[in-house]
């Protein structure tokens, strides 16, 4: 459904009486614009029960499904090819029957963006909205798993060096101080190659090793190893639908191994 600018009323269901489940998802990332739910009206509306599992993902365009519905890497991005519901956070949520909270802005890195001098995710990860007007209240969402998928935009142009290493360690420490019991997973892979990917992988895995040596045993590293072939890429060399499934599967395995969570649904290859 394409939304119109301003406050509007949309009919989500108009059919025969009975038991129906309505799920509303947003396809695009936060930098496309802000969506607000001002009111929900229904006869006999009963909210579903909250899931037992809660996962937070801090990421970039991979987490928001940028270009995921594109036929291959040669197509140009459009709002129509972006679909967060086909990205690895949503897939992971369905796999575990978990509630998912995604903090992602296209083109942003931890300390260096794809382009421009806009705020990076080291700042945006702690804000309610990208306009920076309101700080995020961390304990309003008590995540049991936190996946950090940042670094692609930082390393695309070149290795940012020790500043990235320090920022990643700081992010891990801050997340641990805020969410003392959560499993934290740092991940990378998908659109970096050669020396730049090796540098990103080393920086992130070394940061995780450092905080583990400091006594944080509940931190993990996951490398996405994506197969070539159809579905590997969507628009602009972003992960396609099969690649997103593989990313979700790698995280699923780590979470299952670490926490013993069982799957409720698995996306088809």
Protein backbone atom coordinates (compact mmCIF):
# COMPACT_ATOMS: atom_id res chain seq x y z
CA UNK A 1 0.00 0.00 0.00
CA UNK A 2 1.45 3.38 -1.00
CA UNK A 3 0.82 5.95 1.73
CA UNK A 4 -0.17 9.52 1.01
CA UNK A 5 1.42 12.49 2.70
CA UNK A 6 -0.28 13.82 5.82
CA UNK A 7 -2.82 12.25 8.18
CA UNK A 8 -5.01 9.75 6.35
CA UNK A 9 -7.42 6.95 7.16
CA UNK A 10 -6.72 3.53 5.64
CA UNK A 11 -8.97 0.48 5.69
CA UNK A 12 -6.91 -2.58 6.56
CA UNK A 13 -9.71 -5.13 6.41
CA UNK A 14 -13.32 -5.07 5.27
CA UNK A 15 -14.67 -8.59 4.95
CA UNK A 16 -16.76 -11.32 6.50
CA UNK A 17 -17.07 -11.47 10.31
CA UNK A 18 -14.91 -13.96 12.13
CA UNK A 19 -11.45 -14.32 13.59
CA UNK A 20 -8.84 -12.49 11.55
CA UNK A 21 -5.22 -11.54 12.17
CA UNK A 22 -3.97 -8.24 10.80
CA UNK A 23 -0.24 -7.55 10.58
CA UNK A 24 1.06 -4.16 9.46
CA UNK A 25 4.67 -3.84 8.34
CA UNK A 26 6.69 -1.05 6.80
CA UNK A 27 8.80 -1.77 3.73
CA UNK A 28 11.28 1.13 3.81
CA UNK A 29 13.96 2.41 6.20
CA UNK A 30 13.70 5.37 8.55
CA UNK A 31 15.44 7.80 6.19
CA UNK A 32 12.58 7.48 3.67
CA UNK A 33 10.30 9.26 6.13
CA UNK A 34 8.46 8.81 9.41
CA UNK A 35 5.25 6.79 9.75
CA UNK A 36 2.99 7.43 12.73
CA UNK A 37 -0.03 5.42 13.87
CA UNK A 38 -2.39 8.01 15.28
CA UNK A 39 -5.39 5.79 15.96
CA UNK A 40 -6.65 2.25 15.35
CA UNK A 41 -10.38 1.55 15.15
CA UNK A 42 -12.03 -1.86 14.98
CA UNK A 43 -15.05 -3.71 16.30
CA UNK A 44 -14.05 -6.45 18.73
CA UNK A 45 -10.32 -5.81 18.40
CA UNK A 46 -8.14 -8.09 20.55
CA UNK A 47 -4.37 -7.64 20.54
CA UNK A 48 -2.23 -10.73 20.11
CA UNK A 49 -0.14 -11.88 23.04
CA UNK A 50 3.45 -10.68 23.21
CA UNK A 51 6.06 -13.18 21.97
CA UNK A 52 8.37 -14.82 24.50
CA UNK A 53 11.50 -13.85 22.53
CA UNK A 54 12.74 -10.33 21.72
CA UNK A 55 15.48 -9.49 19.22
CA UNK A 56 16.98 -6.08 18.45
CA UNK A 57 18.93 -5.47 15.24
CA UNK A 58 21.16 -2.42 14.78
CA UNK A 59 22.10 -2.16 11.13
CA UNK A 60 22.00 -0.45 7.78
CA UNK A 61 20.38 -1.10 4.41
CA UNK A 62 20.92 -4.86 4.73
CA UNK A 63 18.61 -4.89 7.75
CA UNK A 64 16.01 -2.71 6.02
CA UNK A 65 15.75 -4.88 2.91
CA UNK A 66 17.19 -2.29 0.49
CA UNK A 67 16.69 -3.57 -3.06
CA UNK A 68 15.85 -7.09 -1.88
CA UNK A 69 13.08 -7.52 -4.45
CA UNK A 70 15.31 -6.50 -7.34
CA UNK A 71 16.03 -9.10 -10.00
CA UNK A 72 19.82 -8.72 -9.76
CA UNK A 73 22.64 -6.33 -8.88
CA UNK A 74 22.19 -4.26 -12.05
CA UNK A 75 18.80 -2.77 -11.14
CA UNK A 76 18.54 0.63 -9.48
CA UNK A 77 16.97 0.95 -6.05
CA UNK A 78 13.37 2.08 -5.69
CA UNK A 79 10.89 2.07 -2.84
CA UNK A 80 9.15 -0.77 -4.68
CA UNK A 81 12.23 -3.01 -4.45
CA UNK A 82 12.80 -2.36 -0.75
CA UNK A 83 11.00 -4.69 1.63
CA UNK A 84 12.05 -4.96 5.27
CA UNK A 85 9.68 -7.91 5.65
CA UNK A 86 12.05 -9.96 3.44
CA UNK A 87 15.23 -8.87 5.24
CA UNK A 88 17.09 -11.04 7.74
CA UNK A 89 15.67 -9.40 10.91
CA UNK A 90 12.06 -10.14 9.89
CA UNK A 91 13.01 -13.64 8.74
CA UNK A 92 14.79 -14.27 12.02
CA UNK A 93 11.74 -13.07 13.93
CA UNK A 94 9.45 -15.45 12.11
CA UNK A 95 11.90 -18.32 12.57
CA UNK A 96 11.82 -17.94 16.35
CA UNK A 97 8.34 -16.45 16.70
CA UNK A 98 10.11 -13.44 18.18
CA UNK A 99 9.32 -9.77 18.47
CA UNK A 100 11.77 -7.78 16.34
CA UNK A 101 12.96 -4.22 16.90
CA UNK A 102 15.06 -2.92 13.98
CA UNK A 103 17.17 0.24 14.22
CA UNK A 104 18.47 0.78 10.70
CA UNK A 105 19.14 3.66 8.33
CA UNK A 106 20.22 3.12 4.73
CA UNK A 107 23.75 4.18 3.86
CA UNK A 108 24.91 4.75 7.44
CA UNK A 109 27.94 3.24 9.10
CA UNK A 110 29.12 3.07 12.66
CA UNK A 111 31.47 6.06 12.23
CA UNK A 112 31.45 6.72 8.46
CA UNK A 113 28.51 6.78 6.08
CA UNK A 114 28.33 5.73 2.45
CA UNK A 115 28.21 9.43 1.58
CA UNK A 116 27.61 12.69 3.39
CA UNK A 117 28.13 14.01 6.88
CA UNK A 118 24.80 12.96 8.36
CA UNK A 119 24.82 11.37 11.84
CA UNK A 120 26.22 7.85 11.91
CA UNK A 121 24.74 4.84 13.67
CA UNK A 122 26.91 5.44 16.72
CA UNK A 123 24.48 8.31 17.32
CA UNK A 124 21.31 7.10 15.58
CA UNK A 125 21.25 3.78 17.44
CA UNK A 126 20.35 5.68 20.59
CA UNK A 127 17.65 7.94 19.14
CA UNK A 128 13.93 7.27 18.86
CA UNK A 129 13.76 8.85 15.39
CA UNK A 130 16.50 9.93 12.98
CA UNK A 131 15.68 13.61 13.51
CA UNK A 132 17.46 13.38 16.85
CA UNK A 133 14.70 15.14 18.79
CA UNK A 134 14.17 12.34 21.31
CA UNK A 135 16.62 9.93 22.87
CA UNK A 136 15.74 6.24 22.86
CA UNK A 137 14.74 4.87 26.26
CA UNK A 138 16.66 1.58 26.16
CA UNK A 139 14.78 -0.30 28.85
CA UNK A 140 11.46 0.30 27.08
CA UNK A 141 12.45 -2.71 24.97
CA UNK A 142 14.30 -5.40 26.88
CA UNK A 143 16.07 -7.30 24.13
CA UNK A 144 17.26 -10.84 24.80
CA UNK A 145 19.38 -10.86 21.62
CA UNK A 146 21.08 -7.88 19.98
CA UNK A 147 22.50 -8.24 16.47
CA UNK A 148 24.90 -5.53 15.29
CA UNK A 149 25.35 -5.53 11.52
CA UNK A 150 27.46 -2.46 10.84
CA UNK A 151 30.73 -1.88 9.01
CA UNK A 152 29.87 -2.28 5.34
CA UNK A 153 29.50 1.47 4.77
CA UNK A 154 32.49 2.26 6.98
CA UNK A 155 34.85 0.06 4.93
CA UNK A 156 33.46 0.57 1.41
CA UNK A 157 35.84 3.40 0.51
CA UNK A 158 38.80 2.23 2.61
CA UNK A 159 39.81 0.88 6.00
CA UNK A 160 38.83 3.58 8.57
CA UNK A 161 41.49 2.28 10.94
CA UNK A 162 41.63 2.41 14.71
CA UNK A 163 38.77 4.87 15.01
CA UNK A 164 36.35 2.15 13.86
CA UNK A 165 37.92 -0.40 16.22
CA UNK A 166 37.49 1.93 19.19
CA UNK A 167 33.92 2.84 18.23
CA UNK A 168 32.91 -0.82 17.87
CA UNK A 169 34.35 -1.71 21.28
CA UNK A 170 32.56 1.29 22.77
CA UNK A 171 29.29 0.18 21.16
CA UNK A 172 29.66 -3.33 22.61
CA UNK A 173 30.44 -1.99 26.08
CA UNK A 174 27.55 0.45 25.97
CA UNK A 175 25.12 -2.23 24.83
CA UNK A 176 26.32 -4.52 27.62
CA UNK A 177 25.89 -1.81 30.23
CA UNK A 178 22.38 -1.14 28.94
CA UNK A 179 21.32 -4.76 28.35
CA UNK A 180 23.31 -6.78 30.90
CA UNK A 181 21.69 -10.14 30.11
CA UNK A 182 21.40 -10.00 26.30
CA UNK A 183 23.32 -12.13 23.83
CA UNK A 184 25.18 -9.66 21.58
CA UNK A 185 26.15 -10.81 18.08
CA UNK A 186 28.45 -8.79 15.83
CA UNK A 187 28.11 -9.73 12.16
CA UNK A 188 29.58 -8.78 8.79
CA UNK A 189 29.52 -10.01 5.19
CA UNK A 190 27.61 -9.55 1.98
CA UNK A 191 28.96 -6.64 -0.06
CA UNK A 192 32.64 -6.17 0.78
CA UNK A 193 35.46 -7.98 -1.01
CA UNK A 194 39.18 -8.55 -0.75
CA UNK A 195 41.27 -6.42 1.59
CA UNK A 196 38.33 -4.27 2.67
CA UNK A 197 36.30 -7.26 3.77
CA UNK A 198 39.31 -8.80 5.50
CA UNK A 199 39.89 -5.53 7.36
CA UNK A 200 36.25 -5.25 8.42
CA UNK A 201 36.09 -8.87 9.55
CA UNK A 202 39.32 -8.49 11.54
CA UNK A 203 38.23 -5.24 13.18
CA UNK A 204 34.86 -6.62 14.29
CA UNK A 205 36.09 -10.04 15.41
CA UNK A 206 39.01 -8.43 17.29
CA UNK A 207 36.62 -6.03 19.05
CA UNK A 208 34.48 -8.97 20.14
CA UNK A 209 37.55 -10.89 21.31
CA UNK A 210 38.63 -7.87 23.35
CA UNK A 211 35.39 -7.51 25.28
CA UNK A 212 35.30 -11.26 25.83
CA UNK A 213 38.77 -11.05 27.39
CA UNK A 214 37.41 -8.27 29.60
CA UNK A 215 34.95 -10.79 31.00
CA UNK A 216 31.91 -10.51 28.72
CA UNK A 217 31.29 -14.12 27.72
CA UNK A 218 27.93 -13.42 26.09
CA UNK A 219 29.24 -11.86 22.85
CA UNK A 220 29.59 -13.69 19.54
CA UNK A 221 30.87 -13.10 16.00
CA UNK A 222 29.01 -14.28 12.88
CA UNK A 223 30.40 -14.03 9.36
CA UNK A 224 27.89 -14.20 6.51
CA UNK A 225 29.18 -16.52 3.79
CA UNK A 226 26.74 -16.07 0.95
CA UNK A 227 26.54 -18.35 -2.07
CA UNK A 228 26.70 -17.03 -5.62
CA UNK A 229 23.92 -17.57 -8.13
CA UNK A 230 20.28 -16.45 -8.45
CA UNK A 231 19.01 -14.60 -5.41
CA UNK A 232 22.49 -13.60 -4.26
CA UNK A 233 21.97 -9.97 -5.18
CA UNK A 234 19.13 -7.52 -5.31
CA UNK A 235 19.46 -3.97 -6.57
CA UNK A 236 22.81 -2.17 -6.30
CA UNK A 237 24.69 -5.24 -5.07
CA UNK A 238 22.61 -5.55 -1.92
CA UNK A 239 21.58 -8.99 -0.63
CA UNK A 240 18.78 -10.58 -2.64
CA UNK A 241 16.03 -12.73 -1.19
CA UNK A 242 18.09 -15.94 -1.00
CA UNK A 243 21.06 -14.10 0.50
CA UNK A 244 18.83 -12.59 3.18
CA UNK A 245 17.59 -16.10 4.02
CA UNK A 246 21.19 -17.28 4.37
CA UNK A 247 22.03 -14.35 6.65
CA UNK A 248 19.06 -15.15 8.86
CA UNK A 249 20.06 -18.84 8.92
CA UNK A 250 23.59 -18.04 10.12
CA UNK A 251 22.22 -15.93 12.96
CA UNK A 252 19.59 -18.56 13.73
CA UNK A 253 22.28 -21.19 14.20
CA UNK A 254 24.30 -18.98 16.56
CA UNK A 255 21.26 -18.00 18.63
CA UNK A 256 20.06 -21.59 18.86
CA UNK A 257 23.50 -22.79 19.91
CA UNK A 258 23.97 -20.02 22.47
CA UNK A 259 20.48 -19.78 23.97
CA UNK A 260 18.80 -23.04 23.05
CA UNK A 261 15.92 -21.29 21.29
CA UNK A 262 13.85 -23.58 19.08
CA UNK A 263 12.48 -22.57 15.71
CA UNK A 264 8.79 -22.16 15.00
CA UNK A 265 9.03 -21.52 11.27
CA UNK A 266 11.80 -21.70 8.70
CA UNK A 267 11.89 -19.68 5.49
CA UNK A 268 12.22 -21.81 2.37
CA UNK A 269 15.42 -21.64 0.33
